[in-house]
Amino acid sequence: SSNDYLGLARHPAIADAMAQALLAEGAGSGASRLITGNR
């Protein structure tokens, strides 16, 4: 039933990239992109 067509949802490279960004950038962007959220 899943739409994970290429089987990438648990790819370790994607998870690692997200984990690194979480530590470096924080949990949220804090605003809309037209305010201060456009990183």
All heavy atoms as atom14 arrays in JSON, in Angstrom:
{
  "sequence": "SSNDYLGLARHPAIADAMAQALLAEGAGSGASRLITGNR",
  "atom14_mask": [
    [1, 1, 1, 1, 1, 1, 0, 0, 0, 0, 0, 0, 0, 0],
    [1, 1, 1, 1, 1, 1, 0, 0, 0, 0, 0, 0, 0, 0],
    [1, 1, 1, 1, 1, 1, 1, 1, 0, 0, 0, 0, 0, 0],
    [1, 1, 1, 1, 1, 1, 1, 1, 0, 0, 0, 0, 0, 0],
    [1, 1, 1, 1, 1, 1, 1, 1, 1, 1, 1, 1, 0, 0],
    [1, 1, 1, 1, 1, 1, 1, 1, 0, 0, 0, 0, 0, 0],
    [1, 1, 1, 1, 0, 0, 0, 0, 0, 0, 0, 0, 0, 0],
    [1, 1, 1, 1, 1, 1, 1, 1, 0, 0, 0, 0, 0, 0],
    [1, 1, 1, 1, 1, 0, 0, 0, 0, 0, 0, 0, 0, 0],
    [1, 1, 1, 1, 1, 1, 1, 1, 1, 1, 1, 0, 0, 0],
    [1, 1, 1, 1, 1, 1, 1, 1, 1, 1, 0, 0, 0, 0],
    [1, 1, 1, 1, 1, 1, 1, 0, 0, 0, 0, 0, 0, 0],
    [1, 1, 1, 1, 1, 0, 0, 0, 0, 0, 0, 0, 0, 0],
    [1, 1, 1, 1, 1, 1, 1, 1, 0, 0, 0, 0, 0, 0],
    [1, 1, 1, 1, 1, 0, 0, 0, 0, 0, 0, 0, 0, 0],
    [1, 1, 1, 1, 1, 1, 1, 1, 0, 0, 0, 0, 0, 0],
    [1, 1, 1, 1, 1, 0, 0, 0, 0, 0, 0, 0, 0, 0],
    [1, 1, 1, 1, 1, 1, 1, 1, 0, 0, 0, 0, 0, 0],
    [1, 1, 1, 1, 1, 0, 0, 0, 0, 0, 0, 0, 0, 0],
    [1, 1, 1, 1, 1, 1, 1, 1, 1, 0, 0, 0, 0, 0],
    [1, 1, 1, 1, 1, 0, 0, 0, 0, 0, 0, 0, 0, 0],
    [1, 1, 1, 1, 1, 1, 1, 1, 0, 0, 0, 0, 0, 0],
    [1, 1, 1, 1, 1, 1, 1, 1, 0, 0, 0, 0, 0, 0],
    [1, 1, 1, 1, 1, 0, 0, 0, 0, 0, 0, 0, 0, 0],
    [1, 1, 1, 1, 1, 1, 1, 1, 1, 0, 0, 0, 0, 0],
    [1, 1, 1, 1, 0, 0, 0, 0, 0, 0, 0, 0, 0, 0],
    [1, 1, 1, 1, 1, 0, 0, 0, 0, 0, 0, 0, 0, 0],
    [1, 1, 1, 1, 0, 0, 0, 0, 0, 0, 0, 0, 0, 0],
    [1, 1, 1, 1, 1, 1, 0, 0, 0, 0, 0, 0, 0, 0],
    [1, 1, 1, 1, 0, 0, 0, 0, 0, 0, 0, 0, 0, 0],
    [1, 1, 1, 1, 1, 0, 0, 0, 0, 0, 0, 0, 0, 0],
    [1, 1, 1, 1, 1, 1, 0, 0, 0, 0, 0, 0, 0, 0],
    [1, 1, 1, 1, 1, 1, 1, 1, 1, 1, 1, 0, 0, 0],
    [1, 1, 1, 1, 1, 1, 1, 1, 0, 0, 0, 0, 0, 0],
    [1, 1, 1, 1, 1, 1, 1, 1, 0, 0, 0, 0, 0, 0],
    [1, 1, 1, 1, 1, 1, 1, 0, 0, 0, 0, 0, 0, 0],
    [1, 1, 1, 1, 0, 0, 0, 0, 0, 0, 0, 0, 0, 0],
    [1, 1, 1, 1, 1, 1, 1, 1, 0, 0, 0, 0, 0, 0],
    [1, 1, 1, 1, 1, 1, 1, 1, 1, 1, 1, 0, 0, 0]
  ],
  "atom14_positions": [
    [[0.81, -1.22, 0.0], [0.0, 0.0, 0.0], [0.84, 1.27, 0.0], [0.32, 2.36, -0.24], [-0.93, 0.02, 1.22], [-1.98, -0.9, 1.08], [0.0, 0.0, 0.0], [0.0, 0.0, 0.0], [0.0, 0.0, 0.0], [0.0, 0.0, 0.0], [0.0, 0.0, 0.0], [0.0, 0.0, 0.0], [0.0, 0.0, 0.0], [0.0, 0.0, 0.0]],
    [[2.13, 1.16, 0.25], [2.98, 2.34, 0.36], [3.28, 2.95, -1.01], [3.28, 2.26, -2.03], [4.29, 1.96, 1.04], [5.26, 2.97, 0.91], [0.0, 0.0, 0.0], [0.0, 0.0, 0.0], [0.0, 0.0, 0.0], [0.0, 0.0, 0.0], [0.0, 0.0, 0.0], [0.0, 0.0, 0.0], [0.0, 0.0, 0.0], [0.0, 0.0, 0.0]],
    [[3.56, 4.27, -1.01], [4.01, 4.95, -2.23], [5.52, 5.1, -2.29], [6.04, 5.9, -3.07], [3.37, 6.35, -2.31], [1.87, 6.28, -2.5], [1.36, 5.39, -3.15], [1.16, 7.24, -1.92], [0.0, 0.0, 0.0], [0.0, 0.0, 0.0], [0.0, 0.0, 0.0], [0.0, 0.0, 0.0], [0.0, 0.0, 0.0], [0.0, 0.0, 0.0]],
    [[6.24, 4.34, -1.5], [7.71, 4.4, -1.47], [8.25, 3.63, -2.67], [8.9, 2.59, -2.54], [8.21, 3.82, -0.15], [9.72, 3.88, 0.01], [10.35, 4.72, -0.67], [10.27, 3.09, 0.81], [0.0, 0.0, 0.0], [0.0, 0.0, 0.0], [0.0, 0.0, 0.0], [0.0, 0.0, 0.0], [0.0, 0.0, 0.0], [0.0, 0.0, 0.0]],
    [[8.0, 4.16, -3.87], [8.22, 3.41, -5.1], [9.65, 2.93, -5.3], [9.89, 1.84, -5.79], [7.79, 4.25, -6.31], [6.32, 4.59, -6.31], [5.89, 5.91, -6.5], [5.35, 3.62, -6.11], [4.55, 6.23, -6.48], [4.0, 3.93, -6.11], [3.6, 5.24, -6.29], [2.27, 5.56, -6.27], [0.0, 0.0, 0.0], [0.0, 0.0, 0.0]],
    [[10.63, 3.75, -4.95], [12.02, 3.37, -5.17], [12.68, 2.78, -3.93], [13.88, 2.47, -3.95], [12.83, 4.59, -5.66], [12.41, 5.17, -7.01], [13.33, 6.31, -7.41], [12.37, 4.1, -8.1], [0.0, 0.0, 0.0], [0.0, 0.0, 0.0], [0.0, 0.0, 0.0], [0.0, 0.0, 0.0], [0.0, 0.0, 0.0], [0.0, 0.0, 0.0]],
    [[11.93, 2.65, -2.86], [12.49, 2.07, -1.64], [13.52, 2.95, -0.97], [14.46, 2.47, -0.34], [0.0, 0.0, 0.0], [0.0, 0.0, 0.0], [0.0, 0.0, 0.0], [0.0, 0.0, 0.0], [0.0, 0.0, 0.0], [0.0, 0.0, 0.0], [0.0, 0.0, 0.0], [0.0, 0.0, 0.0], [0.0, 0.0, 0.0], [0.0, 0.0, 0.0]],
    [[13.33, 4.27, -1.08], [14.31, 5.21, -0.52], [13.95, 5.71, 0.88], [14.76, 6.4, 1.5], [14.45, 6.43, -1.45], [15.1, 6.18, -2.81], [15.1, 7.47, -3.64], [16.52, 5.65, -2.65], [0.0, 0.0, 0.0], [0.0, 0.0, 0.0], [0.0, 0.0, 0.0], [0.0, 0.0, 0.0], [0.0, 0.0, 0.0], [0.0, 0.0, 0.0]],
    [[12.78, 5.4, 1.37], [12.32, 5.99, 2.63], [13.23, 5.68, 3.81], [13.28, 6.44, 4.78], [10.89, 5.53, 2.95], [0.0, 0.0, 0.0], [0.0, 0.0, 0.0], [0.0, 0.0, 0.0], [0.0, 0.0, 0.0], [0.0, 0.0, 0.0], [0.0, 0.0, 0.0], [0.0, 0.0, 0.0], [0.0, 0.0, 0.0], [0.0, 0.0, 0.0]],
    [[13.97, 4.57, 3.73], [14.87, 4.22, 4.83], [16.33, 4.19, 4.36], [17.18, 3.54, 4.98], [14.48, 2.87, 5.43], [13.25, 2.96, 6.3], [12.95, 1.64, 6.97], [12.33, 0.69, 6.04], [12.4, -0.63, 6.17], [13.07, -1.16, 7.16], [11.81, -1.41, 5.3], [0.0, 0.0, 0.0], [0.0, 0.0, 0.0], [0.0, 0.0, 0.0]],
    [[16.63, 4.91, 3.29], [18.0, 4.91, 2.78], [18.91, 5.59, 3.8], [18.64, 6.71, 4.24], [18.06, 5.65, 1.45], [19.3, 5.35, 0.67], [20.54, 5.81, 1.05], [19.49, 4.63, -0.47], [21.44, 5.4, 0.18], [20.84, 4.67, -0.75], [0.0, 0.0, 0.0], [0.0, 0.0, 0.0], [0.0, 0.0, 0.0], [0.0, 0.0, 0.0]],
    [[20.01, 4.95, 4.2], [20.87, 5.52, 5.25], [21.48, 6.87, 4.88], [21.69, 7.72, 5.76], [21.95, 4.46, 5.45], [21.89, 3.59, 4.23], [20.47, 3.62, 3.77], [0.0, 0.0, 0.0], [0.0, 0.0, 0.0], [0.0, 0.0, 0.0], [0.0, 0.0, 0.0], [0.0, 0.0, 0.0], [0.0, 0.0, 0.0], [0.0, 0.0, 0.0]],
    [[21.77, 7.1, 3.6], [22.36, 8.38, 3.21], [21.37, 9.53, 3.41], [21.77, 10.63, 3.82], [22.81, 8.33, 1.74], [0.0, 0.0, 0.0], [0.0, 0.0, 0.0], [0.0, 0.0, 0.0], [0.0, 0.0, 0.0], [0.0, 0.0, 0.0], [0.0, 0.0, 0.0], [0.0, 0.0, 0.0], [0.0, 0.0, 0.0], [0.0, 0.0, 0.0]],
    [[20.09, 9.27, 3.15], [19.07, 10.3, 3.37], [18.9, 10.57, 4.86], [18.86, 11.72, 5.3], [17.73, 9.87, 2.74], [17.87, 9.75, 1.21], [16.62, 10.86, 3.08], [16.65, 9.2, 0.52], [0.0, 0.0, 0.0], [0.0, 0.0, 0.0], [0.0, 0.0, 0.0], [0.0, 0.0, 0.0], [0.0, 0.0, 0.0], [0.0, 0.0, 0.0]],
    [[18.81, 9.51, 5.64], [18.66, 9.66, 7.09], [19.86, 10.39, 7.69], [19.7, 11.25, 8.58], [18.5, 8.28, 7.73], [0.0, 0.0, 0.0], [0.0, 0.0, 0.0], [0.0, 0.0, 0.0], [0.0, 0.0, 0.0], [0.0, 0.0, 0.0], [0.0, 0.0, 0.0], [0.0, 0.0, 0.0], [0.0, 0.0, 0.0], [0.0, 0.0, 0.0]],
    [[21.06, 10.08, 7.21], [22.26, 10.74, 7.73], [22.27, 12.22, 7.38], [22.62, 13.07, 8.22], [23.5, 10.05, 7.16], [24.79, 10.62, 7.74], [24.95, 10.58, 8.97], [25.62, 11.13, 6.95], [0.0, 0.0, 0.0], [0.0, 0.0, 0.0], [0.0, 0.0, 0.0], [0.0, 0.0, 0.0], [0.0, 0.0, 0.0], [0.0, 0.0, 0.0]],
    [[21.89, 12.56, 6.14], [21.84, 13.96, 5.74], [20.85, 14.74, 6.59], [21.11, 15.88, 7.01], [21.46, 14.07, 4.26], [0.0, 0.0, 0.0], [0.0, 0.0, 0.0], [0.0, 0.0, 0.0], [0.0, 0.0, 0.0], [0.0, 0.0, 0.0], [0.0, 0.0, 0.0], [0.0, 0.0, 0.0], [0.0, 0.0, 0.0], [0.0, 0.0, 0.0]],
    [[19.7, 14.12, 6.88], [18.69, 14.78, 7.71], [19.18, 14.96, 9.15], [18.96, 16.01, 9.77], [17.38, 13.99, 7.68], [16.75, 13.95, 6.3], [15.18, 13.03, 6.25], [14.09, 14.18, 7.08], [0.0, 0.0, 0.0], [0.0, 0.0, 0.0], [0.0, 0.0, 0.0], [0.0, 0.0, 0.0], [0.0, 0.0, 0.0], [0.0, 0.0, 0.0]],
    [[19.87, 13.95, 9.67], [20.36, 14.02, 11.05], [21.41, 15.13, 11.19], [21.39, 15.9, 12.17], [20.95, 12.67, 11.45], [0.0, 0.0, 0.0], [0.0, 0.0, 0.0], [0.0, 0.0, 0.0], [0.0, 0.0, 0.0], [0.0, 0.0, 0.0], [0.0, 0.0, 0.0], [0.0, 0.0, 0.0], [0.0, 0.0, 0.0], [0.0, 0.0, 0.0]],
    [[22.31, 15.22, 10.22], [23.34, 16.26, 10.27], [22.72, 17.65, 10.2], [23.13, 18.57, 10.92], [24.34, 16.06, 9.13], [25.22, 14.83, 9.29], [26.3, 14.76, 8.22], [26.92, 15.76, 7.88], [26.5, 13.56, 7.68], [0.0, 0.0, 0.0], [0.0, 0.0, 0.0], [0.0, 0.0, 0.0], [0.0, 0.0, 0.0], [0.0, 0.0, 0.0]],
    [[21.72, 17.81, 9.32], [21.07, 19.12, 9.18], [20.29, 19.47, 10.44], [20.22, 20.64, 10.83], [20.14, 19.11, 7.97], [0.0, 0.0, 0.0], [0.0, 0.0, 0.0], [0.0, 0.0, 0.0], [0.0, 0.0, 0.0], [0.0, 0.0, 0.0], [0.0, 0.0, 0.0], [0.0, 0.0, 0.0], [0.0, 0.0, 0.0], [0.0, 0.0, 0.0]],
    [[19.73, 18.48, 11.07], [18.97, 18.71, 12.31], [19.89, 19.27, 13.39], [19.54, 20.22, 14.11], [18.32, 17.42, 12.77], [17.37, 17.49, 13.96], [16.15, 18.34, 13.63], [16.93, 16.09, 14.37], [0.0, 0.0, 0.0], [0.0, 0.0, 0.0], [0.0, 0.0, 0.0], [0.0, 0.0, 0.0], [0.0, 0.0, 0.0], [0.0, 0.0, 0.0]],
    [[21.07, 18.71, 13.49], [22.02, 19.19, 14.5], [22.59, 20.56, 14.14], [22.82, 21.39, 15.01], [23.16, 18.17, 14.66], [22.76, 16.81, 15.26], [23.93, 15.85, 15.21], [22.26, 16.98, 16.68], [0.0, 0.0, 0.0], [0.0, 0.0, 0.0], [0.0, 0.0, 0.0], [0.0, 0.0, 0.0], [0.0, 0.0, 0.0], [0.0, 0.0, 0.0]],
    [[22.79, 20.79, 12.85], [23.41, 22.04, 12.42], [22.43, 23.2, 12.35], [22.77, 24.34, 12.69], [24.08, 21.84, 11.06], [0.0, 0.0, 0.0], [0.0, 0.0, 0.0], [0.0, 0.0, 0.0], [0.0, 0.0, 0.0], [0.0, 0.0, 0.0], [0.0, 0.0, 0.0], [0.0, 0.0, 0.0], [0.0, 0.0, 0.0], [0.0, 0.0, 0.0]],
    [[21.2, 22.92, 11.9], [20.23, 23.99, 11.61], [19.1, 24.08, 12.62], [18.35, 25.06, 12.63], [19.64, 23.79, 10.21], [20.65, 23.83, 9.06], [21.05, 25.25, 8.72], [20.43, 26.2, 9.24], [22.01, 25.41, 7.93], [0.0, 0.0, 0.0], [0.0, 0.0, 0.0], [0.0, 0.0, 0.0], [0.0, 0.0, 0.0], [0.0, 0.0, 0.0]],
    [[18.93, 23.05, 13.46], [17.82, 23.05, 14.4], [16.59, 22.36, 13.85], [16.56, 21.9, 12.71], [0.0, 0.0, 0.0], [0.0, 0.0, 0.0], [0.0, 0.0, 0.0], [0.0, 0.0, 0.0], [0.0, 0.0, 0.0], [0.0, 0.0, 0.0], [0.0, 0.0, 0.0], [0.0, 0.0, 0.0], [0.0, 0.0, 0.0], [0.0, 0.0, 0.0]],
    [[15.54, 22.31, 14.67], [14.35, 21.53, 14.33], [13.46, 22.21, 13.29], [12.83, 21.54, 12.47], [13.54, 21.25, 15.58], [0.0, 0.0, 0.0], [0.0, 0.0, 0.0], [0.0, 0.0, 0.0], [0.0, 0.0, 0.0], [0.0, 0.0, 0.0], [0.0, 0.0, 0.0], [0.0, 0.0, 0.0], [0.0, 0.0, 0.0], [0.0, 0.0, 0.0]],
    [[13.37, 23.54, 13.32], [12.45, 24.22, 12.42], [13.08, 25.43, 11.77], [14.13, 25.93, 12.19], [0.0, 0.0, 0.0], [0.0, 0.0, 0.0], [0.0, 0.0, 0.0], [0.0, 0.0, 0.0], [0.0, 0.0, 0.0], [0.0, 0.0, 0.0], [0.0, 0.0, 0.0], [0.0, 0.0, 0.0], [0.0, 0.0, 0.0], [0.0, 0.0, 0.0]],
    [[12.42, 25.94, 10.73], [12.93, 27.11, 10.02], [12.56, 28.41, 10.72], [13.18, 29.44, 10.52], [12.38, 27.13, 8.59], [10.96, 27.18, 8.61], [0.0, 0.0, 0.0], [0.0, 0.0, 0.0], [0.0, 0.0, 0.0], [0.0, 0.0, 0.0], [0.0, 0.0, 0.0], [0.0, 0.0, 0.0], [0.0, 0.0, 0.0], [0.0, 0.0, 0.0]],
    [[11.49, 28.38, 11.51], [11.15, 29.53, 12.34], [10.26, 30.58, 11.71], [9.74, 31.45, 12.41], [0.0, 0.0, 0.0], [0.0, 0.0, 0.0], [0.0, 0.0, 0.0], [0.0, 0.0, 0.0], [0.0, 0.0, 0.0], [0.0, 0.0, 0.0], [0.0, 0.0, 0.0], [0.0, 0.0, 0.0], [0.0, 0.0, 0.0], [0.0, 0.0, 0.0]],
    [[10.07, 30.54, 10.4], [9.26, 31.57, 9.74], [8.98, 31.15, 8.31], [9.55, 30.17, 7.81], [9.98, 32.92, 9.75], [0.0, 0.0, 0.0], [0.0, 0.0, 0.0], [0.0, 0.0, 0.0], [0.0, 0.0, 0.0], [0.0, 0.0, 0.0], [0.0, 0.0, 0.0], [0.0, 0.0, 0.0], [0.0, 0.0, 0.0], [0.0, 0.0, 0.0]],
    [[8.12, 31.89, 7.65], [7.9, 31.66, 6.22], [9.14, 32.11, 5.45], [9.99, 32.85, 5.97], [6.68, 32.43, 5.72], [6.98, 33.81, 5.62], [0.0, 0.0, 0.0], [0.0, 0.0, 0.0], [0.0, 0.0, 0.0], [0.0, 0.0, 0.0], [0.0, 0.0, 0.0], [0.0, 0.0, 0.0], [0.0, 0.0, 0.0], [0.0, 0.0, 0.0]],
    [[9.23, 31.67, 4.21], [10.42, 32.0, 3.42], [10.49, 33.49, 3.09], [11.58, 34.01, 2.81], [10.46, 31.15, 2.16], [10.69, 29.68, 2.46], [10.8, 28.85, 1.21], [12.0, 29.2, 0.46], [12.31, 28.66, -0.71], [11.5, 27.77, -1.26], [13.42, 29.02, -1.35], [0.0, 0.0, 0.0], [0.0, 0.0, 0.0], [0.0, 0.0, 0.0]],
    [[9.37, 34.16, 3.1], [9.37, 35.59, 2.81], [9.7, 36.43, 4.04], [9.84, 37.65, 3.93], [8.01, 36.02, 2.23], [7.74, 35.52, 0.82], [6.3, 35.8, 0.42], [8.7, 36.16, -0.18], [0.0, 0.0, 0.0], [0.0, 0.0, 0.0], [0.0, 0.0, 0.0], [0.0, 0.0, 0.0], [0.0, 0.0, 0.0], [0.0, 0.0, 0.0]],
    [[9.82, 35.79, 5.19], [10.21, 36.51, 6.41], [11.69, 36.22, 6.67], [12.56, 36.83, 6.08], [9.31, 36.11, 7.59], [7.83, 36.3, 7.21], [9.62, 36.96, 8.82], [7.43, 37.72, 6.86], [0.0, 0.0, 0.0], [0.0, 0.0, 0.0], [0.0, 0.0, 0.0], [0.0, 0.0, 0.0], [0.0, 0.0, 0.0], [0.0, 0.0, 0.0]],
    [[11.99, 35.25, 7.53], [13.4, 34.9, 7.78], [13.65, 33.4, 7.64], [14.7, 32.91, 8.05], [13.82, 35.34, 9.19], [12.97, 34.68, 10.16], [13.74, 36.84, 9.36], [0.0, 0.0, 0.0], [0.0, 0.0, 0.0], [0.0, 0.0, 0.0], [0.0, 0.0, 0.0], [0.0, 0.0, 0.0], [0.0, 0.0, 0.0], [0.0, 0.0, 0.0]],
    [[12.68, 32.67, 7.05], [12.81, 31.22, 6.96], [13.51, 30.7, 5.73], [13.62, 29.49, 5.54], [0.0, 0.0, 0.0], [0.0, 0.0, 0.0], [0.0, 0.0, 0.0], [0.0, 0.0, 0.0], [0.0, 0.0, 0.0], [0.0, 0.0, 0.0], [0.0, 0.0, 0.0], [0.0, 0.0, 0.0], [0.0, 0.0, 0.0], [0.0, 0.0, 0.0]],
    [[14.0, 31.59, 4.87], [14.62, 31.16, 3.61], [16.11, 30.91, 3.81], [16.93, 31.8, 3.65], [14.39, 32.21, 2.53], [14.75, 31.7, 1.15], [14.55, 30.52, 0.85], [15.31, 32.56, 0.33], [0.0, 0.0, 0.0], [0.0, 0.0, 0.0], [0.0, 0.0, 0.0], [0.0, 0.0, 0.0], [0.0, 0.0, 0.0], [0.0, 0.0, 0.0]],
    [[16.46, 29.68, 4.16], [17.85, 29.33, 4.42], [18.59, 29.0, 3.11], [17.96, 28.62, 2.12], [17.92, 28.11, 5.35], [17.06, 28.22, 6.59], [17.6, 29.23, 7.58], [16.72, 29.34, 8.74], [16.72, 28.48, 9.77], [17.53, 27.44, 9.77], [15.89, 28.67, 10.79], [0.0, 0.0, 0.0], [0.0, 0.0, 0.0], [0.0, 0.0, 0.0]]
  ]
}
